[in-house]
PDB file of N, CA and C in Angstrom:
ATOM      1  N   MET A   1      15.854 -24.918 -11.759  1.00  0.00           N
ATOM      2  CA  MET A   1      16.520 -23.895 -10.989  1.00  0.00           C
ATOM      3  C   MET A   1      17.833 -24.452 -10.440  1.00  0.00           C
ATOM      4  N   SER A   2      18.909 -23.782 -10.757  1.00  0.00           N
ATOM      5  CA  SER A   2      20.222 -24.225 -10.308  1.00  0.00           C
ATOM      6  C   SER A   2      20.347 -24.053  -8.798  1.00  0.00           C
ATOM      7  N   ALA A   3      20.721 -25.116  -8.128  1.00  0.00           N
ATOM      8  CA  ALA A   3      20.811 -25.075  -6.669  1.00  0.00           C
ATOM      9  C   ALA A   3      21.848 -24.053  -6.206  1.00  0.00           C
ATOM     10  N   SER A   4      22.978 -23.957  -6.894  1.00  0.00           N
ATOM     11  CA  SER A   4      24.023 -23.046  -6.435  1.00  0.00           C
ATOM     12  C   SER A   4      23.587 -21.585  -6.558  1.00  0.00           C
ATOM     13  N   VAL A   5      22.953 -21.214  -7.666  1.00  0.00           N
ATOM     14  CA  VAL A   5      22.452 -19.847  -7.828  1.00  0.00           C
ATOM     15  C   VAL A   5      21.361 -19.591  -6.793  1.00  0.00           C
ATOM     16  N   LYS A   6      20.429 -20.509  -6.675  1.00  0.00           N
ATOM     17  CA  LYS A   6      19.330 -20.370  -5.717  1.00  0.00           C
ATOM     18  C   LYS A   6      19.870 -20.185  -4.305  1.00  0.00           C
ATOM     19  N   ASP A   7      20.768 -21.071  -3.885  1.00  0.00           N
ATOM     20  CA  ASP A   7      21.299 -21.022  -2.526  1.00  0.00           C
ATOM     21  C   ASP A   7      22.051 -19.722  -2.263  1.00  0.00           C
ATOM     22  N   ARG A   8      22.842 -19.290  -3.227  1.00  0.00           N
ATOM     23  CA  ARG A   8      23.642 -18.066  -3.042  1.00  0.00           C
ATOM     24  C   ARG A   8      22.735 -16.838  -2.967  1.00  0.00           C
ATOM     25  N   VAL A   9      21.730 -16.757  -3.830  1.00  0.00           N
ATOM     26  CA  VAL A   9      20.803 -15.615  -3.802  1.00  0.00           C
ATOM     27  C   VAL A   9      20.052 -15.598  -2.468  1.00  0.00           C
ATOM     28  N   ILE A  10      19.607 -16.751  -2.015  1.00  0.00           N
ATOM     29  CA  ILE A  10      18.909 -16.815  -0.722  1.00  0.00           C
ATOM     30  C   ILE A  10      19.846 -16.385   0.406  1.00  0.00           C
ATOM     31  N   GLU A  11      21.112 -16.785   0.354  1.00  0.00           N
ATOM     32  CA  GLU A  11      22.080 -16.359   1.372  1.00  0.00           C
ATOM     33  C   GLU A  11      22.216 -14.840   1.393  1.00  0.00           C
ATOM     34  N   ILE A  12      22.303 -14.235   0.214  1.00  0.00           N
ATOM     35  CA  ILE A  12      22.447 -12.778   0.118  1.00  0.00           C
ATOM     36  C   ILE A  12      21.211 -12.084   0.674  1.00  0.00           C
ATOM     37  N   ILE A  13      20.047 -12.557   0.289  1.00  0.00           N
ATOM     38  CA  ILE A  13      18.798 -11.962   0.770  1.00  0.00           C
ATOM     39  C   ILE A  13      18.656 -12.156   2.276  1.00  0.00           C
ATOM     40  N   ALA A  14      18.965 -13.342   2.760  1.00  0.00           N
ATOM     41  CA  ALA A  14      18.869 -13.616   4.194  1.00  0.00           C
ATOM     42  C   ALA A  14      19.815 -12.711   4.983  1.00  0.00           C
ATOM     43  N   GLU A  15      21.007 -12.500   4.449  1.00  0.00           N
ATOM     44  CA  GLU A  15      21.972 -11.639   5.119  1.00  0.00           C
ATOM     45  C   GLU A  15      21.424 -10.214   5.247  1.00  0.00           C
ATOM     46  N   GLN A  16      20.812  -9.710   4.184  1.00  0.00           N
ATOM     47  CA  GLN A  16      20.230  -8.370   4.223  1.00  0.00           C
ATOM     48  C   GLN A  16      19.076  -8.287   5.216  1.00  0.00           C
ATOM     49  N   ALA A  17      18.315  -9.366   5.325  1.00  0.00           N
ATOM     50  CA  ALA A  17      17.150  -9.393   6.217  1.00  0.00           C
ATOM     51  C   ALA A  17      17.524  -9.776   7.642  1.00  0.00           C
ATOM     52  N   VAL A  18      18.812 -10.079   7.878  1.00  0.00           N
ATOM     53  CA  VAL A  18      19.303 -10.541   9.168  1.00  0.00           C
ATOM     54  C   VAL A  18      18.499 -11.776   9.622  1.00  0.00           C
ATOM     55  N   LEU A  19      18.423 -12.736   8.697  1.00  0.00           N
ATOM     56  CA  LEU A  19      17.734 -14.000   8.947  1.00  0.00           C
ATOM     57  C   LEU A  19      18.657 -15.150   8.567  1.00  0.00           C
ATOM     58  N   GLU A  20      18.281 -16.343   8.977  1.00  0.00           N
ATOM     59  CA  GLU A  20      18.968 -17.543   8.512  1.00  0.00           C
ATOM     60  C   GLU A  20      18.413 -17.882   7.119  1.00  0.00           C
ATOM     61  N   PRO A  21      19.243 -18.415   6.218  1.00  0.00           N
ATOM     62  CA  PRO A  21      18.737 -18.774   4.888  1.00  0.00           C
ATOM     63  C   PRO A  21      17.501 -19.681   4.941  1.00  0.00           C
ATOM     64  N   GLY A  22      17.426 -20.550   5.925  1.00  0.00           N
ATOM     65  CA  GLY A  22      16.278 -21.442   6.056  1.00  0.00           C
ATOM     66  C   GLY A  22      14.977 -20.729   6.386  1.00  0.00           C
ATOM     67  N   ASP A  23      15.076 -19.480   6.831  1.00  0.00           N
ATOM     68  CA  ASP A  23      13.881 -18.699   7.156  1.00  0.00           C
ATOM     69  C   ASP A  23      13.316 -17.963   5.949  1.00  0.00           C
ATOM     70  N   VAL A  24      14.014 -18.024   4.820  1.00  0.00           N
ATOM     71  CA  VAL A  24      13.585 -17.333   3.597  1.00  0.00           C
ATOM     72  C   VAL A  24      12.856 -18.335   2.708  1.00  0.00           C
ATOM     73  N   THR A  25      11.624 -17.998   2.314  1.00  0.00           N
ATOM     74  CA  THR A  25      10.864 -18.878   1.421  1.00  0.00           C
ATOM     75  C   THR A  25      10.745 -18.257   0.035  1.00  0.00           C
ATOM     76  N   MET A  26      10.476 -19.085  -0.942  1.00  0.00           N
ATOM     77  CA  MET A  26      10.429 -18.652  -2.336  1.00  0.00           C
ATOM     78  C   MET A  26       9.316 -17.642  -2.608  1.00  0.00           C
ATOM     79  N   GLU A  27       8.205 -17.738  -1.862  1.00  0.00           N
ATOM     80  CA  GLU A  27       7.087 -16.852  -2.173  1.00  0.00           C
ATOM     81  C   GLU A  27       7.153 -15.502  -1.480  1.00  0.00           C
ATOM     82  N   GLN A  28       8.086 -15.355  -0.536  1.00  0.00           N
ATOM     83  CA  GLN A  28       8.185 -14.093   0.199  1.00  0.00           C
ATOM     84  C   GLN A  28       8.670 -12.960  -0.699  1.00  0.00           C
ATOM     85  N   THR A  29       8.217 -11.756  -0.375  1.00  0.00           N
ATOM     86  CA  THR A  29       8.732 -10.560  -1.038  1.00  0.00           C
ATOM     87  C   THR A  29       9.832  -9.982  -0.146  1.00  0.00           C
ATOM     88  N   LEU A  30      10.604  -9.072  -0.703  1.00  0.00           N
ATOM     89  CA  LEU A  30      11.631  -8.429   0.104  1.00  0.00           C
ATOM     90  C   LEU A  30      10.979  -7.634   1.228  1.00  0.00           C
ATOM     91  N   GLN A  31       9.821  -7.057   0.950  1.00  0.00           N
ATOM     92  CA  GLN A  31       9.085  -6.320   1.972  1.00  0.00           C
ATOM     93  C   GLN A  31       8.673  -7.252   3.113  1.00  0.00           C
ATOM     94  N   ASP A  32       8.217  -8.468   2.760  1.00  0.00           N
ATOM     95  CA  ASP A  32       7.867  -9.461   3.785  1.00  0.00           C
ATOM     96  C   ASP A  32       9.052  -9.724   4.713  1.00  0.00           C
ATOM     97  N   LEU A  33      10.244  -9.693   4.142  1.00  0.00           N
ATOM     98  CA  LEU A  33      11.458 -10.009   4.889  1.00  0.00           C
ATOM     99  C   LEU A  33      12.028  -8.799   5.636  1.00  0.00           C
ATOM    100  N   GLY A  34      11.370  -7.648   5.474  1.00  0.00           N
ATOM    101  CA  GLY A  34      11.821  -6.444   6.165  1.00  0.00           C
ATOM    102  C   GLY A  34      12.975  -5.740   5.479  1.00  0.00           C
ATOM    103  N   ILE A  35      13.165  -6.018   4.177  1.00  0.00           N
ATOM    104  CA  ILE A  35      14.248  -5.377   3.432  1.00  0.00           C
ATOM    105  C   ILE A  35      13.703  -4.097   2.798  1.00  0.00           C
ATOM    106  N   ASP A  36      14.314  -2.971   3.154  1.00  0.00           N
ATOM    107  CA  ASP A  36      13.878  -1.685   2.610  1.00  0.00           C
ATOM    108  C   ASP A  36      14.608  -1.381   1.302  1.00  0.00           C
ATOM    109  N   SER A  37      14.407  -0.174   0.772  1.00  0.00           N
ATOM    110  CA  SER A  37      14.997   0.163  -0.526  1.00  0.00           C
ATOM    111  C   SER A  37      16.526   0.162  -0.471  1.00  0.00           C
ATOM    112  N   LEU A  38      17.105   0.585   0.630  1.00  0.00           N
ATOM    113  CA  LEU A  38      18.560   0.545   0.752  1.00  0.00           C
ATOM    114  C   LEU A  38      19.048  -0.904   0.786  1.00  0.00           C
ATOM    115  N   GLY A  39      18.339  -1.747   1.524  1.00  0.00           N
ATOM    116  CA  GLY A  39      18.683  -3.167   1.567  1.00  0.00           C
ATOM    117  C   GLY A  39      18.562  -3.821   0.206  1.00  0.00           C
ATOM    118  N   LEU A  40      17.568  -3.384  -0.568  1.00  0.00           N
ATOM    119  CA  LEU A  40      17.388  -3.902  -1.929  1.00  0.00           C
ATOM    120  C   LEU A  40      18.607  -3.558  -2.779  1.00  0.00           C
ATOM    121  N   VAL A  41      19.028  -2.295  -2.725  1.00  0.00           N
ATOM    122  CA  VAL A  41      20.183  -1.867  -3.512  1.00  0.00           C
ATOM    123  C   VAL A  41      21.431  -2.639  -3.074  1.00  0.00           C
ATOM    124  N   GLU A  42      21.611  -2.802  -1.775  1.00  0.00           N
ATOM    125  CA  GLU A  42      22.766  -3.566  -1.280  1.00  0.00           C
ATOM    126  C   GLU A  42      22.694  -5.025  -1.740  1.00  0.00           C
ATOM    127  N   SER A  43      21.492  -5.586  -1.769  1.00  0.00           N
ATOM    128  CA  SER A  43      21.314  -6.958  -2.261  1.00  0.00           C
ATOM    129  C   SER A  43      21.688  -7.061  -3.731  1.00  0.00           C
ATOM    130  N   ILE A  44      21.250  -6.082  -4.523  1.00  0.00           N
ATOM    131  CA  ILE A  44      21.565  -6.070  -5.962  1.00  0.00           C
ATOM    132  C   ILE A  44      23.083  -6.020  -6.152  1.00  0.00           C
ATOM    133  N   PHE A  45      23.752  -5.126  -5.417  1.00  0.00           N
ATOM    134  CA  PHE A  45      25.216  -5.033  -5.526  1.00  0.00           C
ATOM    135  C   PHE A  45      25.873  -6.355  -5.147  1.00  0.00           C
ATOM    136  N   ALA A  46      25.393  -6.981  -4.080  1.00  0.00           N
ATOM    137  CA  ALA A  46      25.969  -8.255  -3.633  1.00  0.00           C
ATOM    138  C   ALA A  46      25.744  -9.346  -4.680  1.00  0.00           C
ATOM    139  N   ILE A  47      24.570  -9.357  -5.300  1.00  0.00           N
ATOM    140  CA  ILE A  47      24.278 -10.340  -6.357  1.00  0.00           C
ATOM    141  C   ILE A  47      25.191 -10.107  -7.553  1.00  0.00           C
ATOM    142  N   GLU A  48      25.351  -8.835  -7.946  1.00  0.00           N
ATOM    143  CA  GLU A  48      26.232  -8.529  -9.085  1.00  0.00           C
ATOM    144  C   GLU A  48      27.659  -9.010  -8.801  1.00  0.00           C
ATOM    145  N   GLU A  49      28.120  -8.760  -7.596  1.00  0.00           N
ATOM    146  CA  GLU A  49      29.479  -9.155  -7.228  1.00  0.00           C
ATOM    147  C   GLU A  49      29.616 -10.678  -7.159  1.00  0.00           C
ATOM    148  N   ALA A  50      28.632 -11.347  -6.565  1.00  0.00           N
ATOM    149  CA  ALA A  50      28.708 -12.801  -6.381  1.00  0.00           C
ATOM    150  C   ALA A  50      28.725 -13.551  -7.707  1.00  0.00           C
ATOM    151  N   PHE A  51      27.974 -13.038  -8.693  1.00  0.00           N
ATOM    152  CA  PHE A  51      27.843 -13.761  -9.962  1.00  0.00           C
ATOM    153  C   PHE A  51      28.552 -13.071 -11.123  1.00  0.00           C
ATOM    154  N   ASP A  52      29.221 -11.948 -10.844  1.00  0.00           N
ATOM    155  CA  ASP A  52      29.921 -11.185 -11.877  1.00  0.00           C
ATOM    156  C   ASP A  52      28.977 -10.865 -13.041  1.00  0.00           C
ATOM    157  N   ILE A  53      27.825 -10.282 -12.697  1.00  0.00           N
ATOM    158  CA  ILE A  53      26.820  -9.918 -13.696  1.00  0.00           C
ATOM    159  C   ILE A  53      26.412  -8.465 -13.487  1.00  0.00           C
ATOM    160  N   GLN A  54      25.740  -7.900 -14.486  1.00  0.00           N
ATOM    161  CA  GLN A  54      25.141  -6.571 -14.377  1.00  0.00           C
ATOM    162  C   GLN A  54      23.634  -6.754 -14.283  1.00  0.00           C
ATOM    163  N   VAL A  55      23.049  -6.302 -13.190  1.00  0.00           N
ATOM    164  CA  VAL A  55      21.604  -6.420 -12.991  1.00  0.00           C
ATOM    165  C   VAL A  55      20.936  -5.177 -13.551  1.00  0.00           C
ATOM    166  N   PRO A  56      19.986  -5.354 -14.491  1.00  0.00           N
ATOM    167  CA  PRO A  56      19.297  -4.199 -15.079  1.00  0.00           C
ATOM    168  C   PRO A  56      18.235  -3.661 -14.118  1.00  0.00           C
ATOM    169  N   PHE A  57      18.702  -2.895 -13.132  1.00  0.00           N
ATOM    170  CA  PHE A  57      17.800  -2.397 -12.105  1.00  0.00           C
ATOM    171  C   PHE A  57      18.093  -0.935 -11.838  1.00  0.00           C
ATOM    172  N   ASN A  58      17.056  -0.119 -11.840  1.00  0.00           N
ATOM    173  CA  ASN A  58      17.180   1.294 -11.539  1.00  0.00           C
ATOM    174  C   ASN A  58      16.499   1.539 -10.202  1.00  0.00           C
ATOM    175  N   ALA A  59      17.275   1.820  -9.186  1.00  0.00           N
ATOM    176  CA  ALA A  59      16.722   2.024  -7.841  1.00  0.00           C
ATOM    177  C   ALA A  59      15.795   3.226  -7.781  1.00  0.00           C
ATOM    178  N   ASN A  60      15.984   4.173  -8.692  1.00  0.00           N
ATOM    179  CA  ASN A  60      15.123   5.358  -8.710  1.00  0.00           C
ATOM    180  C   ASN A  60      13.766   5.076  -9.334  1.00  0.00           C
ATOM    181  N   ALA A  61      13.682   4.021 -10.129  1.00  0.00           N
ATOM    182  CA  ALA A  61      12.419   3.649 -10.777  1.00  0.00           C
ATOM    183  C   ALA A  61      12.297   2.129 -10.836  1.00  0.00           C
ATOM    184  N   PRO A  62      12.186   1.470  -9.659  1.00  0.00           N
ATOM    185  CA  PRO A  62      12.178  -0.014  -9.650  1.00  0.00           C
ATOM    186  C   PRO A  62      11.032  -0.612 -10.450  1.00  0.00           C
ATOM    187  N   GLU A  63       9.910   0.086 -10.545  1.00  0.00           N
ATOM    188  CA  GLU A  63       8.770  -0.443 -11.302  1.00  0.00           C
ATOM    189  C   GLU A  63       9.036  -0.448 -12.806  1.00  0.00           C
ATOM    190  N   GLN A  64      10.052   0.284 -13.251  1.00  0.00           N
ATOM    191  CA  GLN A  64      10.393   0.315 -14.677  1.00  0.00           C
ATOM    192  C   GLN A  64      11.553  -0.616 -15.002  1.00  0.00           C
ATOM    193  N   SER A  65      11.984  -1.378 -14.035  1.00  0.00           N
ATOM    194  CA  SER A  65      13.127  -2.254 -14.210  1.00  0.00           C
ATOM    195  C   SER A  65      12.743  -3.540 -14.930  1.00  0.00           C
ATOM    196  N   ASP A  66      13.693  -4.092 -15.676  1.00  0.00           N
ATOM    197  CA  ASP A  66      13.497  -5.399 -16.307  1.00  0.00           C
ATOM    198  C   ASP A  66      13.786  -6.523 -15.321  1.00  0.00           C
ATOM    199  N   PHE A  67      14.261  -6.176 -14.140  1.00  0.00           N
ATOM    200  CA  PHE A  67      14.635  -7.162 -13.127  1.00  0.00           C
ATOM    201  C   PHE A  67      13.472  -7.317 -12.156  1.00  0.00           C
ATOM    202  N   ASP A  68      12.866  -8.496 -12.150  1.00  0.00           N
ATOM    203  CA  ASP A  68      11.660  -8.761 -11.356  1.00  0.00           C
ATOM    204  C   ASP A  68      12.025  -9.020  -9.895  1.00  0.00           C
ATOM    205  N   ILE A  69      11.580  -8.104  -9.016  1.00  0.00           N
ATOM    206  CA  ILE A  69      11.874  -8.240  -7.590  1.00  0.00           C
ATOM    207  C   ILE A  69      10.603  -8.544  -6.791  1.00  0.00           C
ATOM    208  N   SER A  70       9.589  -9.101  -7.455  1.00  0.00           N
ATOM    209  CA  SER A  70       8.298  -9.302  -6.801  1.00  0.00           C
ATOM    210  C   SER A  70       8.311 -10.411  -5.749  1.00  0.00           C
ATOM    211  N   SER A  71       9.268 -11.340  -5.827  1.00  0.00           N
ATOM    212  CA  SER A  71       9.383 -12.400  -4.823  1.00  0.00           C
ATOM    213  C   SER A  71      10.800 -12.955  -4.854  1.00  0.00           C
ATOM    214  N   VAL A  72      11.125 -13.737  -3.848  1.00  0.00           N
ATOM    215  CA  VAL A  72      12.444 -14.381  -3.810  1.00  0.00           C
ATOM    216  C   VAL A  72      12.615 -15.274  -5.042  1.00  0.00           C
ATOM    217  N   ALA A  73      11.573 -16.021  -5.392  1.00  0.00           N
ATOM    218  CA  ALA A  73      11.646 -16.915  -6.563  1.00  0.00           C
ATOM    219  C   ALA A  73      11.898 -16.131  -7.846  1.00  0.00           C
ATOM    220  N   SER A  74      11.246 -14.980  -8.006  1.00  0.00           N
ATOM    221  CA  SER A  74      11.428 -14.197  -9.226  1.00  0.00           C
ATOM    222  C   SER A  74      12.835 -13.610  -9.302  1.00  0.00           C
ATOM    223  N   ILE A  75      13.384 -13.230  -8.160  1.00  0.00           N
ATOM    224  CA  ILE A  75      14.754 -12.718  -8.144  1.00  0.00           C
ATOM    225  C   ILE A  75      15.721 -13.828  -8.553  1.00  0.00           C
ATOM    226  N   ILE A  76      15.532 -15.020  -8.011  1.00  0.00           N
ATOM    227  CA  ILE A  76      16.399 -16.157  -8.357  1.00  0.00           C
ATOM    228  C   ILE A  76      16.296 -16.460  -9.853  1.00  0.00           C
ATOM    229  N   ALA A  77      15.076 -16.488 -10.384  1.00  0.00           N
ATOM    230  CA  ALA A  77      14.880 -16.764 -11.816  1.00  0.00           C
ATOM    231  C   ALA A  77      15.563 -15.706 -12.672  1.00  0.00           C
ATOM    232  N   ALA A  78      15.460 -14.451 -12.263  1.00  0.00           N
ATOM    233  CA  ALA A  78      16.090 -13.371 -13.025  1.00  0.00           C
ATOM    234  C   ALA A  78      17.611 -13.488 -12.988  1.00  0.00           C
ATOM    235  N   VAL A  79      18.159 -13.807 -11.826  1.00  0.00           N
ATOM    236  CA  VAL A  79      19.615 -13.971 -11.704  1.00  0.00           C
ATOM    237  C   VAL A  79      20.077 -15.153 -12.554  1.00  0.00           C
ATOM    238  N   GLU A  80      19.328 -16.251 -12.502  1.00  0.00           N
ATOM    239  CA  GLU A  80      19.694 -17.417 -13.325  1.00  0.00           C
ATOM    240  C   GLU A  80      19.716 -17.049 -14.805  1.00  0.00           C
ATOM    241  N   GLY A  81      18.737 -16.253 -15.243  1.00  0.00           N
ATOM    242  CA  GLY A  81      18.704 -15.821 -16.642  1.00  0.00           C
ATOM    243  C   GLY A  81      19.921 -14.990 -16.990  1.00  0.00           C
ATOM    244  N   LEU A  82      20.310 -14.076 -16.117  1.00  0.00           N
ATOM    245  CA  LEU A  82      21.479 -13.232 -16.367  1.00  0.00           C
ATOM    246  C   LEU A  82      22.765 -14.050 -16.377  1.00  0.00           C
ATOM    247  N   VAL A  83      22.873 -15.019 -15.483  1.00  0.00           N
ATOM    248  CA  VAL A  83      24.055 -15.886 -15.441  1.00  0.00           C
ATOM    249  C   VAL A  83      24.129 -16.708 -16.722  1.00  0.00           C
ATOM    250  N   LYS A  84      22.977 -17.230 -17.165  1.00  0.00           N
ATOM    251  CA  LYS A  84      22.934 -18.041 -18.381  1.00  0.00           C
ATOM    252  C   LYS A  84      23.330 -17.204 -19.599  1.00  0.00           C
ATOM    253  N   GLU A  85      22.821 -15.964 -19.674  1.00  0.00           N
ATOM    254  CA  GLU A  85      23.177 -15.064 -20.778  1.00  0.00           C
ATOM    255  C   GLU A  85      24.679 -14.810 -20.814  1.00  0.00           C
ATOM    256  N   GLN A  86      25.257 -14.646 -19.655  1.00  0.00           N
ATOM    257  CA  GLN A  86      26.681 -14.328 -19.563  1.00  0.00           C
ATOM    258  C   GLN A  86      27.539 -15.496 -20.044  1.00  0.00           C
ATOM    259  N   THR A  87      27.110 -16.720 -19.770  1.00  0.00           N
ATOM    260  CA  THR A  87      27.919 -17.879 -20.160  1.00  0.00           C
ATOM    261  C   THR A  87      27.617 -18.359 -21.577  1.00  0.00           C
ATOM    262  N   ALA A  88      26.592 -17.784 -22.195  1.00  0.00           N
ATOM    263  CA  ALA A  88      26.212 -18.209 -23.559  1.00  0.00           C
ATOM    264  C   ALA A  88      27.136 -17.599 -24.591  1.00  0.00           C
TER     265      ALA A  88
END
């Protein structure tokens, strides 16, 4: 796991949750952190902007998305995959 991608994603998630990055753990879900559906969408936009990527996420049908939002770790892994695809 790339430290820079991991750290930046955690910063974005922490900002949405109004927490310090150190308070965000890999196993937490966005729900655990108090991030609602609007916060999720804002997080996705911030991630897309930070990494210049397109996240395959449909806010109207998140369960049908290819982007795994089940935990902080899964979000980081998904972002790393998208960043890697973009640079390949």
